Amino acid sequence: MMQALKGVRHLKSSTMKQAVSELCVPVPWGEIRGKVWGPDHGRPVLCVHGWADNCGTFNTLIPLLPKDCRYVAVDLAGHGRSSHRPPGIFYSFPSYVMDVRRVVDALQWSKFSIIGHSMGGNVAGLFSAVYPEMVDAVVLLDSYGFLPTDLKEMPKVIKQGMDEMLQFEKKTEEKKSRVYSYEKAAERLSAVNPTLSEQSVHILLERGLVQVEGGVVFSRDFRINLKNIARISLEQSLEMQSRIKASILVVLAEGGFEKIFAEQDQKKFTSALLQAYRDRNNTVVTVPGDHHVHLNNPEAVAPLVSDFLQTKVLTQSDSLIDVPASKI
């Protein structure tokens, strides 16, 4: 625990214009990094970013959320400033869930809420199903909490992921780490994520680049681009979903996954998941915007998330008892 404490330092963020703490949690292969906002005794909220992003994705949203919470936003392994996984290891949802478990264990959180965007929402869903007693509220930002795969497609997907790993391991280090100027890196990120605003691009690049001789390189591990080989079916997803005890808010973007998953096969998966949330009296809403609306236009999302946290967490009398002080 003391090791984790040594990694915490205070800094001033030019984007946030308010003081935040830098989090550092030791893990067997290195460290999980992140950022912390809010009072020491605030209600704990873990924020988990999407694929290829980093914890900067919450920079514009968190300042608009209730001030009574302690927000910890992490860089998942292989993203942002967190260490890459050891050679030969795949990135998968169960591994990310284990990362979250390590972080909350270091923080000594026994009960907390989770806000997850995109892939981070899938990590939040799986964590909340595996550790239902630890999570009191879940916010899914343009995420369904699970990503089902057709049973018939699984062998092909697993094979593809393994073949991609073999090909990746044969590449030279020079090919893996291309050096960019900052401007070219920004252009690259914009090209891959055309819905990101110019400000959002710069926010994500704060933790997404590393200075090297001759320019910058992207900090993320390019193995995250490989096909995920740990897959679950719709039936498994619905069973997992049924184990979640937390209150859930699903905030979908009109121009986000709802639009991307317009294909009929995928639509039947998302429709089933959303209906199951509604059947359990959870809230599903859609807001104008794209996949990164929480970052590009946080004002569209913040009131919904704030009301949810206020109602489901902050005003619950039982949640105000025995709240431990933050350990960071």
C-alpha atoms as a PDB file:
ATOM      1  CA  MET A   1       0.000   0.000   0.000  1.00  0.00           C
ATOM      2  CA  MET A   2       2.779   2.405   0.849  1.00  0.00           C
ATOM      3  CA  GLN A   3       4.254   1.747  -2.555  1.00  0.00           C
ATOM      4  CA  ALA A   4       1.047   2.998  -4.142  1.00  0.00           C
ATOM      5  CA  LEU A   5       1.060   6.076  -1.944  1.00  0.00           C
ATOM      6  CA  LYS A   6       4.574   6.976  -3.046  1.00  0.00           C
ATOM      7  CA  GLY A   7       3.365   7.227  -6.628  1.00  0.00           C
ATOM      8  CA  VAL A   8       0.801   9.921  -5.892  1.00  0.00           C
ATOM      9  CA  ARG A   9       1.772  13.481  -6.636  1.00  0.00           C
ATOM     10  CA  HIS A  10      -0.150  16.699  -7.142  1.00  0.00           C
ATOM     11  CA  LEU A  11      -0.060  18.686 -10.332  1.00  0.00           C
ATOM     12  CA  LYS A  12      -1.924  21.433 -12.132  1.00  0.00           C
ATOM     13  CA  SER A  13      -3.687  20.440 -15.342  1.00  0.00           C
ATOM     14  CA  SER A  14      -3.842  23.079 -18.032  1.00  0.00           C
ATOM     15  CA  THR A  15      -6.961  21.456 -19.454  1.00  0.00           C
ATOM     16  CA  MET A  16      -8.800  21.091 -16.151  1.00  0.00           C
ATOM     17  CA  LYS A  17      -7.753  24.407 -14.628  1.00  0.00           C
ATOM     18  CA  GLN A  18      -8.066  22.748 -11.235  1.00  0.00           C
ATOM     19  CA  ALA A  19      -5.703  20.659  -9.130  1.00  0.00           C
ATOM     20  CA  VAL A  20      -5.790  16.913  -9.589  1.00  0.00           C
ATOM     21  CA  SER A  21      -3.669  14.125  -8.134  1.00  0.00           C
ATOM     22  CA  GLU A  22      -1.709  11.650 -10.214  1.00  0.00           C
ATOM     23  CA  LEU A  23      -2.410   8.067  -9.188  1.00  0.00           C
ATOM     24  CA  CYS A  24       0.156   5.274  -9.354  1.00  0.00           C
ATOM     25  CA  VAL A  25      -0.718   1.718  -8.312  1.00  0.00           C
ATOM     26  CA  PRO A  26       2.025  -0.944  -8.524  1.00  0.00           C
ATOM     27  CA  VAL A  27       1.073  -4.115 -10.424  1.00  0.00           C
ATOM     28  CA  PRO A  28       3.183  -7.235 -11.114  1.00  0.00           C
ATOM     29  CA  TRP A  29       4.337  -5.976 -14.534  1.00  0.00           C
ATOM     30  CA  GLY A  30       4.697  -2.270 -13.717  1.00  0.00           C
ATOM     31  CA  GLU A  31       2.072   0.275 -12.689  1.00  0.00           C
ATOM     32  CA  ILE A  32      -1.459   1.454 -13.354  1.00  0.00           C
ATOM     33  CA  ARG A  33      -1.602   5.239 -13.591  1.00  0.00           C
ATOM     34  CA  GLY A  34      -4.526   7.633 -13.393  1.00  0.00           C
ATOM     35  CA  LYS A  35      -5.922  10.915 -12.091  1.00  0.00           C
ATOM     36  CA  VAL A  36      -7.928  11.814  -8.995  1.00  0.00           C
ATOM     37  CA  TRP A  37     -10.467  14.573  -8.373  1.00  0.00           C
ATOM     38  CA  GLY A  38     -12.541  15.428  -5.320  1.00  0.00           C
ATOM     39  CA  PRO A  39     -12.400  15.389  -1.507  1.00  0.00           C
ATOM     40  CA  ASP A  40     -10.621  12.658   0.460  1.00  0.00           C
ATOM     41  CA  HIS A  41     -13.860  11.516   2.079  1.00  0.00           C
ATOM     42  CA  GLY A  42     -15.973  11.793  -1.085  1.00  0.00           C
ATOM     43  CA  ARG A  43     -18.119   8.902  -2.279  1.00  0.00           C
ATOM     44  CA  PRO A  44     -15.775   6.767  -4.437  1.00  0.00           C
ATOM     45  CA  VAL A  45     -16.371   6.692  -8.184  1.00  0.00           C
ATOM     46  CA  LEU A  46     -14.084   4.828 -10.581  1.00  0.00           C
ATOM     47  CA  CYS A  47     -13.966   6.112 -14.179  1.00  0.00           C
ATOM     48  CA  VAL A  48     -12.890   3.713 -16.943  1.00  0.00           C
ATOM     49  CA  HIS A  49     -12.090   4.941 -20.470  1.00  0.00           C
ATOM     50  CA  GLY A  50     -12.731   3.387 -23.864  1.00  0.00           C
ATOM     51  CA  TRP A  51     -10.515   1.452 -26.253  1.00  0.00           C
ATOM     52  CA  ALA A  52      -7.311   3.284 -27.299  1.00  0.00           C
ATOM     53  CA  ASP A  53      -8.261   6.307 -25.155  1.00  0.00           C
ATOM     54  CA  ASN A  54      -6.965   7.184 -21.678  1.00  0.00           C
ATOM     55  CA  CYS A  55      -8.279   8.698 -18.463  1.00  0.00           C
ATOM     56  CA  GLY A  56      -8.132  12.169 -20.029  1.00  0.00           C
ATOM     57  CA  THR A  57     -11.432  11.261 -21.663  1.00  0.00           C
ATOM     58  CA  PHE A  58     -13.115  12.341 -18.393  1.00  0.00           C
ATOM     59  CA  ASN A  59     -11.313  15.709 -18.089  1.00  0.00           C
ATOM     60  CA  THR A  60     -14.268  17.804 -19.226  1.00  0.00           C
ATOM     61  CA  LEU A  61     -17.053  15.735 -17.634  1.00  0.00           C
ATOM     62  CA  ILE A  62     -15.863  15.242 -14.056  1.00  0.00           C
ATOM     63  CA  PRO A  63     -15.761  18.988 -13.157  1.00  0.00           C
ATOM     64  CA  LEU A  64     -19.501  19.109 -13.966  1.00  0.00           C
ATOM     65  CA  LEU A  65     -20.417  16.175 -11.683  1.00  0.00           C
ATOM     66  CA  PRO A  66     -21.312  16.266  -7.949  1.00  0.00           C
ATOM     67  CA  LYS A  67     -18.518  17.681  -5.794  1.00  0.00           C
ATOM     68  CA  ASP A  68     -19.245  15.210  -2.982  1.00  0.00           C
ATOM     69  CA  CYS A  69     -17.627  12.349  -4.892  1.00  0.00           C
ATOM     70  CA  ARG A  70     -14.017  11.193  -5.116  1.00  0.00           C
ATOM     71  CA  TYR A  71     -13.365  10.424  -8.796  1.00  0.00           C
ATOM     72  CA  VAL A  72     -10.492   8.139  -9.757  1.00  0.00           C
ATOM     73  CA  ALA A  73      -9.981   7.807 -13.514  1.00  0.00           C
ATOM     74  CA  VAL A  74      -7.509   5.121 -14.543  1.00  0.00           C
ATOM     75  CA  ASP A  75      -5.389   4.474 -17.617  1.00  0.00           C
ATOM     76  CA  LEU A  76      -6.049   0.803 -18.320  1.00  0.00           C
ATOM     77  CA  ALA A  77      -3.004  -1.388 -18.939  1.00  0.00           C
ATOM     78  CA  GLY A  78      -1.427  -0.586 -22.297  1.00  0.00           C
ATOM     79  CA  HIS A  79      -3.131   2.827 -22.434  1.00  0.00           C
ATOM     80  CA  GLY A  80      -2.075   6.346 -21.434  1.00  0.00           C
ATOM     81  CA  ARG A  81       0.716   6.314 -18.858  1.00  0.00           C
ATOM     82  CA  SER A  82       0.080   2.802 -17.546  1.00  0.00           C
ATOM     83  CA  SER A  83       2.555  -0.008 -18.180  1.00  0.00           C
ATOM     84  CA  HIS A  84       2.148  -2.353 -21.124  1.00  0.00           C
ATOM     85  CA  ARG A  85       1.416  -6.007 -20.424  1.00  0.00           C
ATOM     86  CA  PRO A  86       4.394  -8.399 -20.587  1.00  0.00           C
ATOM     87  CA  PRO A  87       5.421  -9.784 -24.007  1.00  0.00           C
ATOM     88  CA  GLY A  88       3.206 -12.534 -25.356  1.00  0.00           C
ATOM     89  CA  ILE A  89       0.165 -11.540 -23.275  1.00  0.00           C
ATOM     90  CA  PHE A  90      -3.231 -10.726 -24.819  1.00  0.00           C
ATOM     91  CA  TYR A  91      -5.427  -7.781 -23.854  1.00  0.00           C
ATOM     92  CA  SER A  92      -8.918  -8.952 -22.891  1.00  0.00           C
ATOM     93  CA  PHE A  93     -11.922  -7.852 -20.840  1.00  0.00           C
ATOM     94  CA  PRO A  94     -11.230 -10.292 -17.953  1.00  0.00           C
ATOM     95  CA  SER A  95      -7.685  -8.883 -17.719  1.00  0.00           C
ATOM     96  CA  TYR A  96      -9.014  -5.324 -17.566  1.00  0.00           C
ATOM     97  CA  VAL A  97     -11.474  -6.391 -14.851  1.00  0.00           C
ATOM     98  CA  MET A  98      -8.510  -7.748 -12.895  1.00  0.00           C
ATOM     99  CA  ASP A  99      -6.765  -4.387 -13.347  1.00  0.00           C
ATOM    100  CA  VAL A 100      -9.786  -2.651 -11.821  1.00  0.00           C
ATOM    101  CA  ARG A 101      -9.795  -5.136  -8.950  1.00  0.00           C
ATOM    102  CA  ARG A 102      -6.124  -4.386  -8.253  1.00  0.00           C
ATOM    103  CA  VAL A 103      -6.758  -0.624  -8.254  1.00  0.00           C
ATOM    104  CA  VAL A 104      -9.739  -0.690  -5.892  1.00  0.00           C
ATOM    105  CA  ASP A 105      -7.853  -3.098  -3.631  1.00  0.00           C
ATOM    106  CA  ALA A 106      -4.966  -0.609  -3.446  1.00  0.00           C
ATOM    107  CA  LEU A 107      -7.443   2.185  -2.712  1.00  0.00           C
ATOM    108  CA  GLN A 108      -9.132  -0.015  -0.085  1.00  0.00           C
ATOM    109  CA  TRP A 109     -12.547   0.645  -1.579  1.00  0.00           C
ATOM    110  CA  SER A 110     -15.141  -1.912  -0.495  1.00  0.00           C
ATOM    111  CA  LYS A 111     -18.090  -0.180  -2.214  1.00  0.00           C
ATOM    112  CA  PHE A 112     -17.970   2.282  -5.106  1.00  0.00           C
ATOM    113  CA  SER A 113     -19.637   3.437  -8.321  1.00  0.00           C
ATOM    114  CA  ILE A 114     -18.304   3.043 -11.861  1.00  0.00           C
ATOM    115  CA  ILE A 115     -18.561   5.324 -14.886  1.00  0.00           C
ATOM    116  CA  GLY A 116     -17.421   3.546 -18.045  1.00  0.00           C
ATOM    117  CA  HIS A 117     -17.195   4.814 -21.598  1.00  0.00           C
ATOM    118  CA  SER A 118     -17.375   2.391 -24.534  1.00  0.00           C
ATOM    119  CA  MET A 119     -14.964  -0.478 -23.774  1.00  0.00           C
ATOM    120  CA  GLY A 120     -14.702   0.878 -20.238  1.00  0.00           C
ATOM    121  CA  GLY A 121     -18.450   0.316 -19.936  1.00  0.00           C
ATOM    122  CA  ASN A 122     -17.952  -3.328 -20.885  1.00  0.00           C
ATOM    123  CA  VAL A 123     -15.273  -3.598 -18.212  1.00  0.00           C
ATOM    124  CA  ALA A 124     -17.693  -1.959 -15.758  1.00  0.00           C
ATOM    125  CA  GLY A 125     -20.477  -4.382 -16.682  1.00  0.00           C
ATOM    126  CA  LEU A 126     -18.314  -7.467 -16.268  1.00  0.00           C
ATOM    127  CA  PHE A 127     -16.768  -6.216 -13.014  1.00  0.00           C
ATOM    128  CA  SER A 128     -20.214  -5.426 -11.582  1.00  0.00           C
ATOM    129  CA  ALA A 129     -21.408  -8.947 -12.462  1.00  0.00           C
ATOM    130  CA  VAL A 130     -18.356 -10.672 -10.949  1.00  0.00           C
ATOM    131  CA  TYR A 131     -18.211  -8.425  -7.847  1.00  0.00           C
ATOM    132  CA  PRO A 132     -21.858  -7.338  -7.420  1.00  0.00           C
ATOM    133  CA  GLU A 133     -21.426  -6.606  -3.719  1.00  0.00           C
ATOM    134  CA  MET A 134     -18.758  -3.974  -4.445  1.00  0.00           C
ATOM    135  CA  VAL A 135     -20.654  -1.759  -6.899  1.00  0.00           C
ATOM    136  CA  ASP A 136     -23.610   0.458  -5.971  1.00  0.00           C
ATOM    137  CA  ALA A 137     -24.130   2.339  -9.245  1.00  0.00           C
ATOM    138  CA  VAL A 138     -22.997   2.005 -12.864  1.00  0.00           C
ATOM    139  CA  VAL A 139     -23.031   4.640 -15.611  1.00  0.00           C
ATOM    140  CA  LEU A 140     -22.526   3.300 -19.148  1.00  0.00           C
ATOM    141  CA  LEU A 141     -21.551   6.055 -21.602  1.00  0.00           C
ATOM    142  CA  ASP A 142     -22.326   4.918 -25.156  1.00  0.00           C
ATOM    143  CA  SER A 143     -21.837   1.328 -24.037  1.00  0.00           C
ATOM    144  CA  TYR A 144     -24.084  -1.674 -23.465  1.00  0.00           C
ATOM    145  CA  GLY A 145     -22.041  -3.135 -20.627  1.00  0.00           C
ATOM    146  CA  PHE A 146     -21.258  -6.281 -22.609  1.00  0.00           C
ATOM    147  CA  LEU A 147     -20.141  -7.064 -26.157  1.00  0.00           C
ATOM    148  CA  PRO A 148     -21.746 -10.347 -27.275  1.00  0.00           C
ATOM    149  CA  THR A 149     -20.373 -12.412 -30.138  1.00  0.00           C
ATOM    150  CA  ASP A 150     -22.333 -14.878 -32.269  1.00  0.00           C
ATOM    151  CA  LEU A 151     -21.419 -18.414 -31.178  1.00  0.00           C
ATOM    152  CA  LYS A 152     -20.783 -19.445 -34.781  1.00  0.00           C
ATOM    153  CA  GLU A 153     -18.232 -16.632 -35.180  1.00  0.00           C
ATOM    154  CA  MET A 154     -16.158 -17.416 -32.096  1.00  0.00           C
ATOM    155  CA  PRO A 155     -13.675 -19.918 -33.610  1.00  0.00           C
ATOM    156  CA  LYS A 156     -12.933 -17.502 -36.463  1.00  0.00           C
ATOM    157  CA  VAL A 157     -12.486 -14.540 -34.104  1.00  0.00           C
ATOM    158  CA  ILE A 158     -10.203 -16.466 -31.731  1.00  0.00           C
ATOM    159  CA  LYS A 159      -8.081 -17.721 -34.621  1.00  0.00           C
ATOM    160  CA  GLN A 160      -7.814 -14.206 -36.027  1.00  0.00           C
ATOM    161  CA  GLY A 161      -6.621 -12.833 -32.682  1.00  0.00           C
ATOM    162  CA  MET A 162      -3.969 -15.513 -32.315  1.00  0.00           C
ATOM    163  CA  ASP A 163      -2.734 -15.096 -35.884  1.00  0.00           C
ATOM    164  CA  GLU A 164      -2.529 -11.323 -35.397  1.00  0.00           C
ATOM    165  CA  MET A 165      -0.454 -11.786 -32.242  1.00  0.00           C
ATOM    166  CA  LEU A 166       2.009 -14.025 -34.082  1.00  0.00           C
ATOM    167  CA  GLN A 167       2.358 -11.466 -36.880  1.00  0.00           C
ATOM    168  CA  PHE A 168       2.814  -8.648 -34.365  1.00  0.00           C
ATOM    169  CA  GLU A 169       5.589 -10.510 -32.587  1.00  0.00           C
ATOM    170  CA  LYS A 170       7.482 -10.901 -35.851  1.00  0.00           C
ATOM    171  CA  LYS A 171       7.589  -7.149 -36.473  1.00  0.00           C
ATOM    172  CA  THR A 172      10.712  -5.190 -35.601  1.00  0.00           C
ATOM    173  CA  GLU A 173      10.665  -2.616 -32.823  1.00  0.00           C
ATOM    174  CA  GLU A 174      11.216   0.142 -35.397  1.00  0.00           C
ATOM    175  CA  LYS A 175       7.967  -0.755 -37.150  1.00  0.00           C
ATOM    176  CA  LYS A 176       6.065  -0.927 -33.873  1.00  0.00           C
ATOM    177  CA  SER A 177       6.982   2.592 -32.704  1.00  0.00           C
ATOM    178  CA  ARG A 178       6.669   5.158 -35.434  1.00  0.00           C
ATOM    179  CA  VAL A 179       7.941   8.635 -34.540  1.00  0.00           C
ATOM    180  CA  TYR A 180       5.660  11.609 -35.309  1.00  0.00           C
ATOM    181  CA  SER A 181       5.786  15.354 -34.888  1.00  0.00           C
ATOM    182  CA  TYR A 182       3.091  16.501 -32.440  1.00  0.00           C
ATOM    183  CA  GLU A 183       1.085  17.943 -35.326  1.00  0.00           C
ATOM    184  CA  LYS A 184       1.239  14.692 -37.302  1.00  0.00           C
ATOM    185  CA  ALA A 185       0.245  12.715 -34.196  1.00  0.00           C
ATOM    186  CA  ALA A 186      -2.773  14.985 -33.752  1.00  0.00           C
ATOM    187  CA  GLU A 187      -3.690  14.491 -37.415  1.00  0.00           C
ATOM    188  CA  ARG A 188      -3.344  10.735 -36.967  1.00  0.00           C
ATOM    189  CA  LEU A 189      -5.656  10.653 -33.936  1.00  0.00           C
ATOM    190  CA  SER A 190      -8.199  12.867 -35.704  1.00  0.00           C
ATOM    191  CA  ALA A 191      -8.167  10.593 -38.740  1.00  0.00           C
ATOM    192  CA  VAL A 192      -8.806   7.494 -36.621  1.00  0.00           C
ATOM    193  CA  ASN A 193     -11.455   9.254 -34.494  1.00  0.00           C
ATOM    194  CA  PRO A 194     -13.038  11.842 -36.811  1.00  0.00           C
ATOM    195  CA  THR A 195     -15.781  12.659 -34.277  1.00  0.00           C
ATOM    196  CA  LEU A 196     -13.273  14.034 -31.759  1.00  0.00           C
ATOM    197  CA  SER A 197     -13.232  17.815 -31.464  1.00  0.00           C
ATOM    198  CA  GLU A 198      -9.895  19.588 -31.801  1.00  0.00           C
ATOM    199  CA  GLN A 199      -9.842  20.221 -28.040  1.00  0.00           C
ATOM    200  CA  SER A 200     -10.631  16.550 -27.345  1.00  0.00           C
ATOM    201  CA  VAL A 201      -7.721  15.440 -29.529  1.00  0.00           C
ATOM    202  CA  HIS A 202      -5.301  17.576 -27.514  1.00  0.00           C
ATOM    203  CA  ILE A 203      -6.762  16.327 -24.217  1.00  0.00           C
ATOM    204  CA  LEU A 204      -6.247  12.671 -25.163  1.00  0.00           C
ATOM    205  CA  LEU A 205      -2.751  13.367 -26.472  1.00  0.00           C
ATOM    206  CA  GLU A 206      -1.671  14.764 -23.068  1.00  0.00           C
ATOM    207  CA  ARG A 207      -1.412  11.168 -21.818  1.00  0.00           C
ATOM    208  CA  GLY A 208      -1.334   9.507 -25.199  1.00  0.00           C
ATOM    209  CA  LEU A 209       2.146  10.562 -26.339  1.00  0.00           C
ATOM    210  CA  VAL A 210       5.717  10.005 -25.147  1.00  0.00           C
ATOM    211  CA  GLN A 211       8.569  12.326 -26.076  1.00  0.00           C
ATOM    212  CA  VAL A 212      11.440  10.569 -27.872  1.00  0.00           C
ATOM    213  CA  GLU A 213      14.387  11.645 -29.951  1.00  0.00           C
ATOM    214  CA  GLY A 214      13.062  13.246 -33.120  1.00  0.00           C
ATOM    215  CA  GLY A 215       9.472  13.706 -31.964  1.00  0.00           C
ATOM    216  CA  VAL A 216       6.773  11.735 -30.169  1.00  0.00           C
ATOM    217  CA  VAL A 217       5.384   8.202 -30.204  1.00  0.00           C
ATOM    218  CA  PHE A 218       1.972   6.999 -29.112  1.00  0.00           C
ATOM    219  CA  SER A 219       2.158   5.621 -25.583  1.00  0.00           C
ATOM    220  CA  ARG A 220      -0.416   2.877 -26.041  1.00  0.00           C
ATOM    221  CA  ASP A 221       0.563  -0.716 -26.624  1.00  0.00           C
ATOM    222  CA  PHE A 222      -0.294  -1.584 -30.209  1.00  0.00           C
ATOM    223  CA  ARG A 223      -1.337  -5.068 -29.078  1.00  0.00           C
ATOM    224  CA  ILE A 224      -4.621  -3.451 -28.017  1.00  0.00           C
ATOM    225  CA  ASN A 225      -5.407  -3.283 -31.755  1.00  0.00           C
ATOM    226  CA  LEU A 226      -5.333  -7.066 -32.045  1.00  0.00           C
ATOM    227  CA  LYS A 227      -8.606  -8.983 -32.115  1.00  0.00           C
ATOM    228  CA  ASN A 228      -9.855  -9.733 -28.610  1.00  0.00           C
ATOM    229  CA  ILE A 229      -9.891 -13.528 -28.180  1.00  0.00           C
ATOM    230  CA  ALA A 230     -11.903 -13.621 -24.919  1.00  0.00           C
ATOM    231  CA  ARG A 231     -15.502 -13.669 -26.176  1.00  0.00           C
ATOM    232  CA  ILE A 232     -18.912 -14.293 -24.621  1.00  0.00           C
ATOM    233  CA  SER A 233     -22.254 -15.051 -26.253  1.00  0.00           C
ATOM    234  CA  LEU A 234     -25.517 -13.123 -25.859  1.00  0.00           C
ATOM    235  CA  GLU A 235     -26.806 -15.790 -23.473  1.00  0.00           C
ATOM    236  CA  GLN A 236     -23.679 -15.461 -21.319  1.00  0.00           C
ATOM    237  CA  SER A 237     -23.924 -11.662 -21.460  1.00  0.00           C
ATOM    238  CA  LEU A 238     -27.543 -11.697 -20.281  1.00  0.00           C
ATOM    239  CA  GLU A 239     -26.675 -14.109 -17.463  1.00  0.00           C
ATOM    240  CA  MET A 240     -23.824 -11.846 -16.366  1.00  0.00           C
ATOM    241  CA  GLN A 241     -26.070  -8.814 -16.634  1.00  0.00           C
ATOM    242  CA  SER A 242     -28.636 -10.478 -14.369  1.00  0.00           C
ATOM    243  CA  ARG A 243     -26.010 -10.782 -11.600  1.00  0.00           C
ATOM    244  CA  ILE A 244     -25.505  -7.017 -11.345  1.00  0.00           C
ATOM    245  CA  LYS A 245     -27.056  -5.582  -8.170  1.00  0.00           C
ATOM    246  CA  ALA A 246     -26.146  -1.950  -8.836  1.00  0.00           C
ATOM    247  CA  SER A 247     -28.465   0.694 -10.235  1.00  0.00           C
ATOM    248  CA  ILE A 248     -27.586   1.333 -13.877  1.00  0.00           C
ATOM    249  CA  LEU A 249     -27.804   4.374 -16.142  1.00  0.00           C
ATOM    250  CA  VAL A 250     -27.198   3.823 -19.859  1.00  0.00           C
ATOM    251  CA  VAL A 251     -26.502   7.017 -21.841  1.00  0.00           C
ATOM    252  CA  LEU A 252     -26.377   6.326 -25.576  1.00  0.00           C
ATOM    253  CA  ALA A 253     -25.332   8.820 -28.257  1.00  0.00           C
ATOM    254  CA  GLU A 254     -27.481   9.241 -31.358  1.00  0.00           C
ATOM    255  CA  GLY A 255     -24.384   9.238 -33.543  1.00  0.00           C
ATOM    256  CA  GLY A 256     -22.515   6.638 -31.493  1.00  0.00           C
ATOM    257  CA  PHE A 257     -22.853   2.873 -31.246  1.00  0.00           C
ATOM    258  CA  GLU A 258     -26.588   3.074 -31.957  1.00  0.00           C
ATOM    259  CA  LYS A 259     -25.614   4.210 -35.452  1.00  0.00           C
ATOM    260  CA  ILE A 260     -22.514   2.013 -35.783  1.00  0.00           C
ATOM    261  CA  PHE A 261     -24.403  -1.136 -34.759  1.00  0.00           C
ATOM    262  CA  ALA A 262     -27.170  -0.631 -37.296  1.00  0.00           C
ATOM    263  CA  GLU A 263     -26.524  -4.086 -38.768  1.00  0.00           C
ATOM    264  CA  GLN A 264     -29.398  -6.437 -37.998  1.00  0.00           C
ATOM    265  CA  ASP A 265     -27.271  -9.175 -36.400  1.00  0.00           C
ATOM    266  CA  GLN A 266     -25.603  -6.808 -33.940  1.00  0.00           C
ATOM    267  CA  LYS A 267     -28.827  -4.886 -33.372  1.00  0.00           C
ATOM    268  CA  LYS A 268     -30.545  -7.979 -31.951  1.00  0.00           C
ATOM    269  CA  PHE A 269     -27.754  -8.240 -29.344  1.00  0.00           C
ATOM    270  CA  THR A 270     -27.902  -4.591 -28.290  1.00  0.00           C
ATOM    271  CA  SER A 271     -31.716  -4.566 -28.272  1.00  0.00           C
ATOM    272  CA  ALA A 272     -31.787  -7.603 -25.978  1.00  0.00           C
ATOM    273  CA  LEU A 273     -29.282  -6.051 -23.576  1.00  0.00           C
ATOM    274  CA  LEU A 274     -31.119  -2.722 -23.466  1.00  0.00           C
ATOM    275  CA  GLN A 275     -34.486  -4.413 -22.919  1.00  0.00           C
ATOM    276  CA  ALA A 276     -33.024  -6.415 -20.036  1.00  0.00           C
ATOM    277  CA  TYR A 277     -31.827  -3.179 -18.415  1.00  0.00           C
ATOM    278  CA  ARG A 278     -35.301  -1.665 -18.779  1.00  0.00           C
ATOM    279  CA  ASP A 279     -36.964  -4.816 -17.437  1.00  0.00           C
ATOM    280  CA  ARG A 280     -34.948  -4.374 -14.233  1.00  0.00           C
ATOM    281  CA  ASN A 281     -36.086  -0.760 -13.912  1.00  0.00           C
ATOM    282  CA  ASN A 282     -32.779   0.724 -14.984  1.00  0.00           C
ATOM    283  CA  THR A 283     -32.643   3.899 -17.059  1.00  0.00           C
ATOM    284  CA  VAL A 284     -31.746   3.992 -20.760  1.00  0.00           C
ATOM    285  CA  VAL A 285     -31.570   7.411 -22.437  1.00  0.00           C
ATOM    286  CA  THR A 286     -30.265   8.743 -25.746  1.00  0.00           C
ATOM    287  CA  VAL A 287     -28.630  12.148 -26.181  1.00  0.00           C
ATOM    288  CA  PRO A 288     -27.651  14.098 -29.309  1.00  0.00           C
ATOM    289  CA  GLY A 289     -23.985  13.669 -30.149  1.00  0.00           C
ATOM    290  CA  ASP A 290     -21.394  11.143 -31.201  1.00  0.00           C
ATOM    291  CA  HIS A 291     -19.431   8.375 -29.523  1.00  0.00           C
ATOM    292  CA  HIS A 292     -17.281  10.848 -27.529  1.00  0.00           C
ATOM    293  CA  VAL A 293     -20.121  13.206 -26.603  1.00  0.00           C
ATOM    294  CA  HIS A 294     -19.109  13.002 -22.906  1.00  0.00           C
ATOM    295  CA  LEU A 295     -15.740  14.547 -23.853  1.00  0.00           C
ATOM    296  CA  ASN A 296     -16.737  16.791 -26.769  1.00  0.00           C
ATOM    297  CA  ASN A 297     -19.933  18.156 -25.228  1.00  0.00           C
ATOM    298  CA  PRO A 298     -20.070  17.130 -21.554  1.00  0.00           C
ATOM    299  CA  GLU A 299     -22.979  19.512 -20.885  1.00  0.00           C
ATOM    300  CA  ALA A 300     -25.218  17.065 -22.768  1.00  0.00           C
ATOM    301  CA  VAL A 301     -24.304  14.218 -20.439  1.00  0.00           C
ATOM    302  CA  ALA A 302     -23.428  15.761 -17.065  1.00  0.00           C
ATOM    303  CA  PRO A 303     -26.990  16.565 -15.847  1.00  0.00           C
ATOM    304  CA  LEU A 304     -28.089  12.957 -16.420  1.00  0.00           C
ATOM    305  CA  VAL A 305     -25.054  11.495 -14.673  1.00  0.00           C
ATOM    306  CA  SER A 306     -25.238  14.034 -11.833  1.00  0.00           C
ATOM    307  CA  ASP A 307     -28.921  13.362 -11.136  1.00  0.00           C
ATOM    308  CA  PHE A 308     -28.266   9.614 -11.201  1.00  0.00           C
ATOM    309  CA  LEU A 309     -25.354   9.800  -8.747  1.00  0.00           C
ATOM    310  CA  GLN A 310     -27.281  12.192  -6.528  1.00  0.00           C
ATOM    311  CA  THR A 311     -30.337   9.939  -6.429  1.00  0.00           C
ATOM    312  CA  LYS A 312     -28.777   6.479  -6.377  1.00  0.00           C
ATOM    313  CA  VAL A 313     -25.617   7.131  -4.354  1.00  0.00           C
ATOM    314  CA  LEU A 314     -25.393  10.422  -2.483  1.00  0.00           C
ATOM    315  CA  THR A 315     -28.936  10.527  -1.041  1.00  0.00           C
ATOM    316  CA  GLN A 316     -29.081   6.845  -0.086  1.00  0.00           C
ATOM    317  CA  SER A 317     -28.910   6.817   3.684  1.00  0.00           C
ATOM    318  CA  ASP A 318     -27.191   3.447   3.858  1.00  0.00           C
ATOM    319  CA  SER A 319     -24.453   4.662   1.489  1.00  0.00           C
ATOM    320  CA  LEU A 320     -23.512   7.412   3.908  1.00  0.00           C
ATOM    321  CA  ILE A 321     -22.597   5.009   6.698  1.00  0.00           C
ATOM    322  CA  ASP A 322     -19.052   3.790   7.288  1.00  0.00           C
ATOM    323  CA  VAL A 323     -17.528   5.607   4.338  1.00  0.00           C
ATOM    324  CA  PRO A 324     -13.760   5.048   4.591  1.00  0.00           C
ATOM    325  CA  ALA A 325     -11.353   7.886   3.956  1.00  0.00           C
ATOM    326  CA  SER A 326      -9.621   7.648   0.613  1.00  0.00           C
ATOM    327  CA  LYS A 327      -6.259   5.901   0.865  1.00  0.00           C
ATOM    328  CA  ILE A 328      -4.533   7.997  -1.764  1.00  0.00           C
END
